[in-house]
């Protein structure tokens, strides 16, 4: 009888696995093409940029040119797992009035980019965007080349940097509310909800870490700023601690950790958070000063 019950339970797990796999895969990508925010309508003009990923998939982005007399550098944004650039660009577009060019783009399947998202394809999209933005920066601009990866975007770009031929020319990598392992973040997301808690260990069976940055942080060699809220209700704070710990395994990584108490996910750079804006701009102006740990007030 016990063997029969055990066999039945095993069959139940096998039956649930494909549904959990679909759920976990869907968890990472929630694209749409809705226009949430039109920057031009509020004084932030941009240029539509179309470029191709390595497999020929046509991608779309927005390029915002610095609006001040002196260009301090270029920022490329890697947004999170939902919506599209029109929902995420408001968080950084204010920087074009502070001396920085901004390039933000959509992965395949998001916004006006063609195709459908999957890990390898999104990885190739990240490399294409990095190359385009850096070569444009190199030919047209001066100053710093800064990468800001938010939530899923942080994991995507941190892994892509391993294969980025201009990696040594990156002045700063900002990892905002992100994670080191797809398996870990899926496990923690499932574990925090009562209805999915029992299934959470299966995240390690059905979620792939092939394109996770976890094993590549130690060799990154880029000045990095990690930002994470202790109250983040989407990507648990433990994920941010993991990222910081992995980066600090190597003495070659200069890493700062800003811990906040913001109840919202990826809200540090919000256009209404003036104090955070001042703090970040001051940090950029003083990149040459090595620091270890910063705690938000």
C-alpha atoms as a PDB file:
ATOM      1  CA  UNK A   1       0.000   0.000   0.000  1.00  0.00           C
ATOM      2  CA  UNK A   2       2.812   2.417   0.941  1.00  0.00           C
ATOM      3  CA  UNK A   3       4.596   1.660  -2.336  1.00  0.00           C
ATOM      4  CA  UNK A   4       1.402   2.385  -4.254  1.00  0.00           C
ATOM      5  CA  UNK A   5       0.942   5.739  -2.467  1.00  0.00           C
ATOM      6  CA  UNK A   6       4.579   6.641  -3.106  1.00  0.00           C
ATOM      7  CA  UNK A   7       4.192   5.732  -6.778  1.00  0.00           C
ATOM      8  CA  UNK A   8       1.021   7.828  -6.990  1.00  0.00           C
ATOM      9  CA  UNK A   9       2.782  10.808  -5.415  1.00  0.00           C
ATOM     10  CA  UNK A  10       5.646  10.445  -7.882  1.00  0.00           C
ATOM     11  CA  UNK A  11       3.171  10.418 -10.751  1.00  0.00           C
ATOM     12  CA  UNK A  12       1.554  13.573  -9.379  1.00  0.00           C
ATOM     13  CA  UNK A  13       4.932  15.303  -9.292  1.00  0.00           C
ATOM     14  CA  UNK A  14       5.698  14.202 -12.846  1.00  0.00           C
ATOM     15  CA  UNK A  15       2.296  15.470 -13.929  1.00  0.00           C
ATOM     16  CA  UNK A  16       2.885  18.845 -12.273  1.00  0.00           C
ATOM     17  CA  UNK A  17       6.424  19.325 -13.591  1.00  0.00           C
ATOM     18  CA  UNK A  18       5.501  20.580 -17.076  1.00  0.00           C
ATOM     19  CA  UNK A  19       2.978  23.014 -15.607  1.00  0.00           C
ATOM     20  CA  UNK A  20       5.533  24.282 -13.116  1.00  0.00           C
ATOM     21  CA  UNK A  21       8.073  24.606 -15.927  1.00  0.00           C
ATOM     22  CA  UNK A  22       5.644  26.693 -17.964  1.00  0.00           C
ATOM     23  CA  UNK A  23       4.863  28.793 -14.893  1.00  0.00           C
ATOM     24  CA  UNK A  24       8.545  29.383 -14.085  1.00  0.00           C
ATOM     25  CA  UNK A  25       9.402  30.233 -17.683  1.00  0.00           C
ATOM     26  CA  UNK A  26       6.459  32.635 -17.836  1.00  0.00           C
ATOM     27  CA  UNK A  27       7.632  34.102 -14.523  1.00  0.00           C
ATOM     28  CA  UNK A  28      10.755  35.471 -16.210  1.00  0.00           C
ATOM     29  CA  UNK A  29       9.172  37.063 -19.294  1.00  0.00           C
ATOM     30  CA  UNK A  30       6.027  39.230 -19.339  1.00  0.00           C
ATOM     31  CA  UNK A  31       6.356  41.322 -22.515  1.00  0.00           C
ATOM     32  CA  UNK A  32       3.775  43.597 -24.054  1.00  0.00           C
ATOM     33  CA  UNK A  33       3.704  46.400 -26.653  1.00  0.00           C
ATOM     34  CA  UNK A  34       1.510  48.934 -24.850  1.00  0.00           C
ATOM     35  CA  UNK A  35       2.758  52.552 -24.788  1.00  0.00           C
ATOM     36  CA  UNK A  36       2.828  53.370 -21.061  1.00  0.00           C
ATOM     37  CA  UNK A  37       4.741  56.638 -21.302  1.00  0.00           C
ATOM     38  CA  UNK A  38       5.652  58.930 -24.181  1.00  0.00           C
ATOM     39  CA  UNK A  39       8.869  60.764 -23.230  1.00  0.00           C
ATOM     40  CA  UNK A  40       8.472  63.264 -26.073  1.00  0.00           C
ATOM     41  CA  UNK A  41       5.222  64.499 -24.555  1.00  0.00           C
ATOM     42  CA  UNK A  42       7.043  65.686 -21.428  1.00  0.00           C
ATOM     43  CA  UNK A  43      10.205  67.137 -22.921  1.00  0.00           C
ATOM     44  CA  UNK A  44      12.424  64.100 -23.405  1.00  0.00           C
ATOM     45  CA  UNK A  45      12.961  63.685 -27.177  1.00  0.00           C
ATOM     46  CA  UNK A  46      14.407  60.423 -28.428  1.00  0.00           C
ATOM     47  CA  UNK A  47      15.460  58.704 -31.612  1.00  0.00           C
ATOM     48  CA  UNK A  48      14.040  55.302 -32.577  1.00  0.00           C
ATOM     49  CA  UNK A  49      16.867  52.828 -33.061  1.00  0.00           C
ATOM     50  CA  UNK A  50      16.471  49.532 -34.911  1.00  0.00           C
ATOM     51  CA  UNK A  51      19.260  46.956 -34.873  1.00  0.00           C
ATOM     52  CA  UNK A  52      19.678  43.204 -35.208  1.00  0.00           C
ATOM     53  CA  UNK A  53      20.607  40.443 -32.817  1.00  0.00           C
ATOM     54  CA  UNK A  54      23.133  37.829 -33.943  1.00  0.00           C
ATOM     55  CA  UNK A  55      20.402  35.583 -35.397  1.00  0.00           C
ATOM     56  CA  UNK A  56      18.877  38.432 -37.397  1.00  0.00           C
ATOM     57  CA  UNK A  57      16.021  39.218 -35.009  1.00  0.00           C
ATOM     58  CA  UNK A  58      15.096  42.895 -35.352  1.00  0.00           C
ATOM     59  CA  UNK A  59      15.277  44.792 -32.072  1.00  0.00           C
ATOM     60  CA  UNK A  60      14.060  48.257 -31.117  1.00  0.00           C
ATOM     61  CA  UNK A  61      15.328  50.878 -28.720  1.00  0.00           C
ATOM     62  CA  UNK A  62      15.251  54.564 -27.831  1.00  0.00           C
ATOM     63  CA  UNK A  63      18.301  56.819 -27.818  1.00  0.00           C
ATOM     64  CA  UNK A  64      18.079  59.974 -25.706  1.00  0.00           C
ATOM     65  CA  UNK A  65      20.774  62.558 -26.325  1.00  0.00           C
ATOM     66  CA  UNK A  66      22.275  64.541 -23.477  1.00  0.00           C
ATOM     67  CA  UNK A  67      20.538  67.929 -23.153  1.00  0.00           C
ATOM     68  CA  UNK A  68      23.353  69.813 -21.411  1.00  0.00           C
ATOM     69  CA  UNK A  69      26.391  71.572 -22.862  1.00  0.00           C
ATOM     70  CA  UNK A  70      28.839  68.997 -21.532  1.00  0.00           C
ATOM     71  CA  UNK A  71      28.429  65.260 -22.089  1.00  0.00           C
ATOM     72  CA  UNK A  72      29.518  63.270 -19.039  1.00  0.00           C
ATOM     73  CA  UNK A  73      28.914  59.856 -20.540  1.00  0.00           C
ATOM     74  CA  UNK A  74      26.480  57.267 -21.871  1.00  0.00           C
ATOM     75  CA  UNK A  75      24.121  54.996 -19.952  1.00  0.00           C
ATOM     76  CA  UNK A  76      22.567  51.822 -21.310  1.00  0.00           C
ATOM     77  CA  UNK A  77      19.537  50.449 -19.483  1.00  0.00           C
ATOM     78  CA  UNK A  78      18.627  46.756 -19.243  1.00  0.00           C
ATOM     79  CA  UNK A  79      15.047  46.685 -17.991  1.00  0.00           C
ATOM     80  CA  UNK A  80      13.155  44.043 -16.045  1.00  0.00           C
ATOM     81  CA  UNK A  81      10.972  41.125 -17.054  1.00  0.00           C
ATOM     82  CA  UNK A  82       7.692  42.895 -17.805  1.00  0.00           C
ATOM     83  CA  UNK A  83       6.132  45.459 -20.145  1.00  0.00           C
ATOM     84  CA  UNK A  84       8.627  47.323 -22.386  1.00  0.00           C
ATOM     85  CA  UNK A  85      10.897  50.371 -22.569  1.00  0.00           C
ATOM     86  CA  UNK A  86       8.006  52.825 -22.361  1.00  0.00           C
ATOM     87  CA  UNK A  87       7.307  51.606 -18.813  1.00  0.00           C
ATOM     88  CA  UNK A  88      10.939  51.494 -17.672  1.00  0.00           C
ATOM     89  CA  UNK A  89      12.601  54.516 -19.296  1.00  0.00           C
ATOM     90  CA  UNK A  90      10.944  57.054 -16.917  1.00  0.00           C
ATOM     91  CA  UNK A  91      13.200  55.765 -14.158  1.00  0.00           C
ATOM     92  CA  UNK A  92      16.359  56.951 -15.926  1.00  0.00           C
ATOM     93  CA  UNK A  93      15.325  59.493 -18.555  1.00  0.00           C
ATOM     94  CA  UNK A  94      15.950  62.364 -16.123  1.00  0.00           C
ATOM     95  CA  UNK A  95      19.681  61.713 -16.537  1.00  0.00           C
ATOM     96  CA  UNK A  96      19.758  63.314 -19.993  1.00  0.00           C
ATOM     97  CA  UNK A  97      19.283  66.628 -18.177  1.00  0.00           C
ATOM     98  CA  UNK A  98      22.301  65.810 -16.014  1.00  0.00           C
ATOM     99  CA  UNK A  99      24.841  65.333 -18.799  1.00  0.00           C
ATOM    100  CA  UNK A 100      24.290  61.727 -19.890  1.00  0.00           C
ATOM    101  CA  UNK A 101      23.112  60.076 -23.085  1.00  0.00           C
ATOM    102  CA  UNK A 102      20.677  57.224 -22.467  1.00  0.00           C
ATOM    103  CA  UNK A 103      20.055  54.136 -24.585  1.00  0.00           C
ATOM    104  CA  UNK A 104      17.278  51.770 -23.614  1.00  0.00           C
ATOM    105  CA  UNK A 105      16.046  48.838 -25.684  1.00  0.00           C
ATOM    106  CA  UNK A 106      13.618  45.932 -25.699  1.00  0.00           C
ATOM    107  CA  UNK A 107      14.614  42.284 -25.737  1.00  0.00           C
ATOM    108  CA  UNK A 108      13.016  40.117 -28.415  1.00  0.00           C
ATOM    109  CA  UNK A 109       9.262  39.875 -27.968  1.00  0.00           C
ATOM    110  CA  UNK A 110       9.066  43.062 -25.895  1.00  0.00           C
ATOM    111  CA  UNK A 111       7.658  46.324 -27.245  1.00  0.00           C
ATOM    112  CA  UNK A 112       8.458  46.766 -30.945  1.00  0.00           C
ATOM    113  CA  UNK A 113      11.205  44.128 -30.986  1.00  0.00           C
ATOM    114  CA  UNK A 114      10.456  41.060 -33.072  1.00  0.00           C
ATOM    115  CA  UNK A 115      10.404  37.415 -32.002  1.00  0.00           C
ATOM    116  CA  UNK A 116       9.690  35.765 -28.659  1.00  0.00           C
ATOM    117  CA  UNK A 117      11.917  35.792 -25.564  1.00  0.00           C
ATOM    118  CA  UNK A 118      13.957  32.794 -24.462  1.00  0.00           C
ATOM    119  CA  UNK A 119      17.266  32.704 -22.516  1.00  0.00           C
ATOM    120  CA  UNK A 120      19.783  32.209 -25.334  1.00  0.00           C
ATOM    121  CA  UNK A 121      18.040  34.705 -27.612  1.00  0.00           C
ATOM    122  CA  UNK A 122      17.819  37.338 -24.891  1.00  0.00           C
ATOM    123  CA  UNK A 123      21.519  36.783 -24.123  1.00  0.00           C
ATOM    124  CA  UNK A 124      22.382  37.486 -27.761  1.00  0.00           C
ATOM    125  CA  UNK A 125      20.123  40.556 -27.713  1.00  0.00           C
ATOM    126  CA  UNK A 126      22.046  41.873 -24.714  1.00  0.00           C
ATOM    127  CA  UNK A 127      25.374  41.469 -26.503  1.00  0.00           C
ATOM    128  CA  UNK A 128      24.050  43.222 -29.611  1.00  0.00           C
ATOM    129  CA  UNK A 129      22.765  46.147 -27.536  1.00  0.00           C
ATOM    130  CA  UNK A 130      26.007  46.418 -25.558  1.00  0.00           C
ATOM    131  CA  UNK A 131      28.095  46.464 -28.720  1.00  0.00           C
ATOM    132  CA  UNK A 132      25.897  49.014 -30.485  1.00  0.00           C
ATOM    133  CA  UNK A 133      25.724  51.364 -27.508  1.00  0.00           C
ATOM    134  CA  UNK A 134      29.446  51.199 -26.734  1.00  0.00           C
ATOM    135  CA  UNK A 135      30.543  51.726 -30.333  1.00  0.00           C
ATOM    136  CA  UNK A 136      28.125  54.663 -30.628  1.00  0.00           C
ATOM    137  CA  UNK A 137      29.452  56.073 -27.369  1.00  0.00           C
ATOM    138  CA  UNK A 138      33.028  55.637 -28.538  1.00  0.00           C
ATOM    139  CA  UNK A 139      32.450  57.423 -31.842  1.00  0.00           C
ATOM    140  CA  UNK A 140      30.099  60.210 -30.767  1.00  0.00           C
ATOM    141  CA  UNK A 141      30.509  60.844 -27.062  1.00  0.00           C
ATOM    142  CA  UNK A 142      32.998  61.295 -24.275  1.00  0.00           C
ATOM    143  CA  UNK A 143      33.151  60.372 -20.632  1.00  0.00           C
ATOM    144  CA  UNK A 144      31.892  57.344 -18.779  1.00  0.00           C
ATOM    145  CA  UNK A 145      30.221  54.246 -20.186  1.00  0.00           C
ATOM    146  CA  UNK A 146      27.721  53.058 -17.591  1.00  0.00           C
ATOM    147  CA  UNK A 147      25.466  49.999 -17.579  1.00  0.00           C
ATOM    148  CA  UNK A 148      22.347  49.851 -15.404  1.00  0.00           C
ATOM    149  CA  UNK A 149      20.654  46.461 -15.110  1.00  0.00           C
ATOM    150  CA  UNK A 150      17.373  46.341 -13.218  1.00  0.00           C
ATOM    151  CA  UNK A 151      15.756  43.187 -11.846  1.00  0.00           C
ATOM    152  CA  UNK A 152      15.915  40.545 -14.623  1.00  0.00           C
ATOM    153  CA  UNK A 153      17.940  43.017 -16.687  1.00  0.00           C
ATOM    154  CA  UNK A 154      20.713  42.905 -14.105  1.00  0.00           C
ATOM    155  CA  UNK A 155      21.058  39.137 -14.404  1.00  0.00           C
ATOM    156  CA  UNK A 156      20.925  39.334 -18.199  1.00  0.00           C
ATOM    157  CA  UNK A 157      23.660  41.943 -18.552  1.00  0.00           C
ATOM    158  CA  UNK A 158      25.901  40.542 -15.805  1.00  0.00           C
ATOM    159  CA  UNK A 159      26.018  37.248 -17.710  1.00  0.00           C
ATOM    160  CA  UNK A 160      26.377  38.952 -21.103  1.00  0.00           C
ATOM    161  CA  UNK A 161      29.436  40.877 -19.926  1.00  0.00           C
ATOM    162  CA  UNK A 162      31.410  37.649 -19.833  1.00  0.00           C
ATOM    163  CA  UNK A 163      31.181  37.568 -23.644  1.00  0.00           C
ATOM    164  CA  UNK A 164      31.357  41.333 -24.267  1.00  0.00           C
ATOM    165  CA  UNK A 165      34.536  42.227 -26.133  1.00  0.00           C
ATOM    166  CA  UNK A 166      34.652  45.771 -24.707  1.00  0.00           C
ATOM    167  CA  UNK A 167      34.132  44.693 -21.089  1.00  0.00           C
ATOM    168  CA  UNK A 168      37.339  46.369 -19.889  1.00  0.00           C
ATOM    169  CA  UNK A 169      36.050  49.729 -21.119  1.00  0.00           C
ATOM    170  CA  UNK A 170      32.974  49.715 -18.864  1.00  0.00           C
ATOM    171  CA  UNK A 171      33.309  52.369 -16.152  1.00  0.00           C
ATOM    172  CA  UNK A 172      30.447  51.235 -13.936  1.00  0.00           C
ATOM    173  CA  UNK A 173      27.916  48.426 -13.717  1.00  0.00           C
ATOM    174  CA  UNK A 174      24.825  49.101 -11.601  1.00  0.00           C
ATOM    175  CA  UNK A 175      22.859  46.038 -10.498  1.00  0.00           C
ATOM    176  CA  UNK A 176      19.528  47.263  -9.176  1.00  0.00           C
ATOM    177  CA  UNK A 177      17.252  44.767  -7.392  1.00  0.00           C
ATOM    178  CA  UNK A 178      18.638  41.791  -9.270  1.00  0.00           C
ATOM    179  CA  UNK A 179      19.754  38.218  -8.615  1.00  0.00           C
ATOM    180  CA  UNK A 180      22.602  35.812  -9.282  1.00  0.00           C
ATOM    181  CA  UNK A 181      20.700  32.594  -9.998  1.00  0.00           C
ATOM    182  CA  UNK A 182      17.457  31.957 -11.880  1.00  0.00           C
ATOM    183  CA  UNK A 183      16.935  28.828  -9.798  1.00  0.00           C
ATOM    184  CA  UNK A 184      17.375  30.651  -6.493  1.00  0.00           C
ATOM    185  CA  UNK A 185      15.102  33.554  -7.362  1.00  0.00           C
ATOM    186  CA  UNK A 186      12.408  31.157  -8.636  1.00  0.00           C
ATOM    187  CA  UNK A 187      12.704  29.042  -5.475  1.00  0.00           C
ATOM    188  CA  UNK A 188      12.374  32.089  -3.232  1.00  0.00           C
ATOM    189  CA  UNK A 189       9.448  33.483  -5.207  1.00  0.00           C
ATOM    190  CA  UNK A 190       7.582  30.175  -5.003  1.00  0.00           C
ATOM    191  CA  UNK A 191       8.524  29.643  -1.365  1.00  0.00           C
ATOM    192  CA  UNK A 192       7.119  32.973  -0.187  1.00  0.00           C
ATOM    193  CA  UNK A 193       3.583  32.108  -1.346  1.00  0.00           C
ATOM    194  CA  UNK A 194       1.500  29.581   0.554  1.00  0.00           C
ATOM    195  CA  UNK A 195      -0.062  27.966  -2.522  1.00  0.00           C
ATOM    196  CA  UNK A 196       3.294  27.292  -4.218  1.00  0.00           C
ATOM    197  CA  UNK A 197       5.560  26.676  -1.199  1.00  0.00           C
ATOM    198  CA  UNK A 198       5.414  22.885  -1.434  1.00  0.00           C
ATOM    199  CA  UNK A 199       6.475  23.046  -5.072  1.00  0.00           C
ATOM    200  CA  UNK A 200       9.345  25.478  -4.510  1.00  0.00           C
ATOM    201  CA  UNK A 201      12.128  22.807  -4.398  1.00  0.00           C
ATOM    202  CA  UNK A 202      11.137  21.773  -7.915  1.00  0.00           C
ATOM    203  CA  UNK A 203      12.452  25.126  -9.146  1.00  0.00           C
ATOM    204  CA  UNK A 204      15.900  23.531  -9.060  1.00  0.00           C
ATOM    205  CA  UNK A 205      14.679  20.831 -11.453  1.00  0.00           C
ATOM    206  CA  UNK A 206      12.745  22.841 -14.006  1.00  0.00           C
ATOM    207  CA  UNK A 207      14.546  26.199 -14.111  1.00  0.00           C
ATOM    208  CA  UNK A 208      17.858  26.378 -15.963  1.00  0.00           C
ATOM    209  CA  UNK A 209      20.848  28.327 -14.683  1.00  0.00           C
ATOM    210  CA  UNK A 210      22.691  28.088 -18.007  1.00  0.00           C
ATOM    211  CA  UNK A 211      22.497  31.865 -18.481  1.00  0.00           C
ATOM    212  CA  UNK A 212      22.778  32.862 -14.838  1.00  0.00           C
ATOM    213  CA  UNK A 213      25.635  35.214 -13.914  1.00  0.00           C
ATOM    214  CA  UNK A 214      26.329  33.349 -10.656  1.00  0.00           C
ATOM    215  CA  UNK A 215      29.577  31.686 -11.753  1.00  0.00           C
ATOM    216  CA  UNK A 216      30.934  34.764 -13.530  1.00  0.00           C
ATOM    217  CA  UNK A 217      30.806  37.509 -10.896  1.00  0.00           C
ATOM    218  CA  UNK A 218      34.204  36.616  -9.481  1.00  0.00           C
ATOM    219  CA  UNK A 219      35.915  37.319 -12.811  1.00  0.00           C
ATOM    220  CA  UNK A 220      33.887  40.409 -13.688  1.00  0.00           C
ATOM    221  CA  UNK A 221      36.598  42.960 -12.905  1.00  0.00           C
ATOM    222  CA  UNK A 222      34.247  45.957 -13.294  1.00  0.00           C
ATOM    223  CA  UNK A 223      33.453  48.647 -10.745  1.00  0.00           C
ATOM    224  CA  UNK A 224      29.985  47.647  -9.558  1.00  0.00           C
ATOM    225  CA  UNK A 225      27.223  49.244  -7.522  1.00  0.00           C
ATOM    226  CA  UNK A 226      24.622  46.873  -6.062  1.00  0.00           C
ATOM    227  CA  UNK A 227      21.306  48.405  -4.967  1.00  0.00           C
ATOM    228  CA  UNK A 228      18.608  46.410  -3.197  1.00  0.00           C
ATOM    229  CA  UNK A 229      15.741  47.110  -0.825  1.00  0.00           C
ATOM    230  CA  UNK A 230      15.286  45.071   2.333  1.00  0.00           C
ATOM    231  CA  UNK A 231      11.544  45.323   1.679  1.00  0.00           C
ATOM    232  CA  UNK A 232      11.603  44.271  -1.985  1.00  0.00           C
ATOM    233  CA  UNK A 233       8.456  42.191  -2.498  1.00  0.00           C
ATOM    234  CA  UNK A 234       9.408  40.872  -5.940  1.00  0.00           C
ATOM    235  CA  UNK A 235      13.099  39.928  -5.818  1.00  0.00           C
ATOM    236  CA  UNK A 236      13.891  39.036  -2.215  1.00  0.00           C
ATOM    237  CA  UNK A 237      16.680  40.996  -0.503  1.00  0.00           C
ATOM    238  CA  UNK A 238      18.642  37.750  -0.048  1.00  0.00           C
ATOM    239  CA  UNK A 239      19.239  37.789  -3.798  1.00  0.00           C
ATOM    240  CA  UNK A 240      20.948  41.173  -3.540  1.00  0.00           C
ATOM    241  CA  UNK A 241      23.094  39.875  -0.690  1.00  0.00           C
ATOM    242  CA  UNK A 242      24.076  36.910  -2.868  1.00  0.00           C
ATOM    243  CA  UNK A 243      25.153  39.225  -5.689  1.00  0.00           C
ATOM    244  CA  UNK A 244      27.263  41.359  -3.355  1.00  0.00           C
ATOM    245  CA  UNK A 245      28.851  38.308  -1.705  1.00  0.00           C
ATOM    246  CA  UNK A 246      29.772  36.725  -5.041  1.00  0.00           C
ATOM    247  CA  UNK A 247      31.253  39.964  -6.351  1.00  0.00           C
ATOM    248  CA  UNK A 248      33.406  40.291  -3.246  1.00  0.00           C
ATOM    249  CA  UNK A 249      34.975  36.866  -3.652  1.00  0.00           C
ATOM    250  CA  UNK A 250      37.547  38.547  -5.865  1.00  0.00           C
ATOM    251  CA  UNK A 251      39.783  41.404  -4.754  1.00  0.00           C
ATOM    252  CA  UNK A 252      39.708  42.572  -8.385  1.00  0.00           C
ATOM    253  CA  UNK A 253      36.091  43.692  -8.050  1.00  0.00           C
ATOM    254  CA  UNK A 254      35.457  47.115  -6.515  1.00  0.00           C
ATOM    255  CA  UNK A 255      31.907  46.829  -5.250  1.00  0.00           C
ATOM    256  CA  UNK A 256      29.534  49.133  -3.376  1.00  0.00           C
ATOM    257  CA  UNK A 257      26.279  47.993  -1.783  1.00  0.00           C
ATOM    258  CA  UNK A 258      23.458  50.456  -1.179  1.00  0.00           C
ATOM    259  CA  UNK A 259      20.794  48.942   1.048  1.00  0.00           C
ATOM    260  CA  UNK A 260      17.445  50.723   1.039  1.00  0.00           C
ATOM    261  CA  UNK A 261      14.097  50.263   2.759  1.00  0.00           C
ATOM    262  CA  UNK A 262      11.910  51.194  -0.195  1.00  0.00           C
ATOM    263  CA  UNK A 263       8.754  49.019  -0.249  1.00  0.00           C
ATOM    264  CA  UNK A 264       8.630  49.080  -4.052  1.00  0.00           C
ATOM    265  CA  UNK A 265      10.658  46.995  -6.501  1.00  0.00           C
ATOM    266  CA  UNK A 266      13.266  48.888  -8.624  1.00  0.00           C
ATOM    267  CA  UNK A 267      12.141  52.244  -7.277  1.00  0.00           C
ATOM    268  CA  UNK A 268      15.529  53.745  -6.379  1.00  0.00           C
ATOM    269  CA  UNK A 269      15.902  55.670  -9.655  1.00  0.00           C
ATOM    270  CA  UNK A 270      12.297  56.862  -9.812  1.00  0.00           C
ATOM    271  CA  UNK A 271      11.962  60.332 -11.282  1.00  0.00           C
ATOM    272  CA  UNK A 272      10.366  61.526  -8.014  1.00  0.00           C
ATOM    273  CA  UNK A 273      13.211  60.323  -5.764  1.00  0.00           C
ATOM    274  CA  UNK A 274      15.267  63.511  -5.888  1.00  0.00           C
ATOM    275  CA  UNK A 275      17.525  62.573  -2.953  1.00  0.00           C
ATOM    276  CA  UNK A 276      18.457  59.296  -4.623  1.00  0.00           C
ATOM    277  CA  UNK A 277      19.183  61.132  -7.866  1.00  0.00           C
ATOM    278  CA  UNK A 278      21.567  63.519  -6.096  1.00  0.00           C
ATOM    279  CA  UNK A 279      23.261  60.644  -4.324  1.00  0.00           C
ATOM    280  CA  UNK A 280      23.800  58.713  -7.542  1.00  0.00           C
ATOM    281  CA  UNK A 281      25.099  61.739  -9.452  1.00  0.00           C
ATOM    282  CA  UNK A 282      27.554  62.466  -6.648  1.00  0.00           C
ATOM    283  CA  UNK A 283      28.681  58.839  -6.798  1.00  0.00           C
ATOM    284  CA  UNK A 284      29.296  59.105 -10.551  1.00  0.00           C
ATOM    285  CA  UNK A 285      31.335  62.264 -10.048  1.00  0.00           C
ATOM    286  CA  UNK A 286      33.543  60.444  -7.535  1.00  0.00           C
ATOM    287  CA  UNK A 287      33.995  57.014  -9.088  1.00  0.00           C
ATOM    288  CA  UNK A 288      37.726  57.114  -8.537  1.00  0.00           C
ATOM    289  CA  UNK A 289      37.217  56.948  -4.752  1.00  0.00           C
ATOM    290  CA  UNK A 290      37.045  53.261  -3.702  1.00  0.00           C
ATOM    291  CA  UNK A 291      34.375  52.459  -1.134  1.00  0.00           C
ATOM    292  CA  UNK A 292      33.063  49.254   0.356  1.00  0.00           C
ATOM    293  CA  UNK A 293      29.577  49.477   1.836  1.00  0.00           C
ATOM    294  CA  UNK A 294      26.939  52.197   1.844  1.00  0.00           C
ATOM    295  CA  UNK A 295      23.770  51.946   3.885  1.00  0.00           C
ATOM    296  CA  UNK A 296      20.825  54.124   2.951  1.00  0.00           C
ATOM    297  CA  UNK A 297      19.590  56.510   5.582  1.00  0.00           C
END
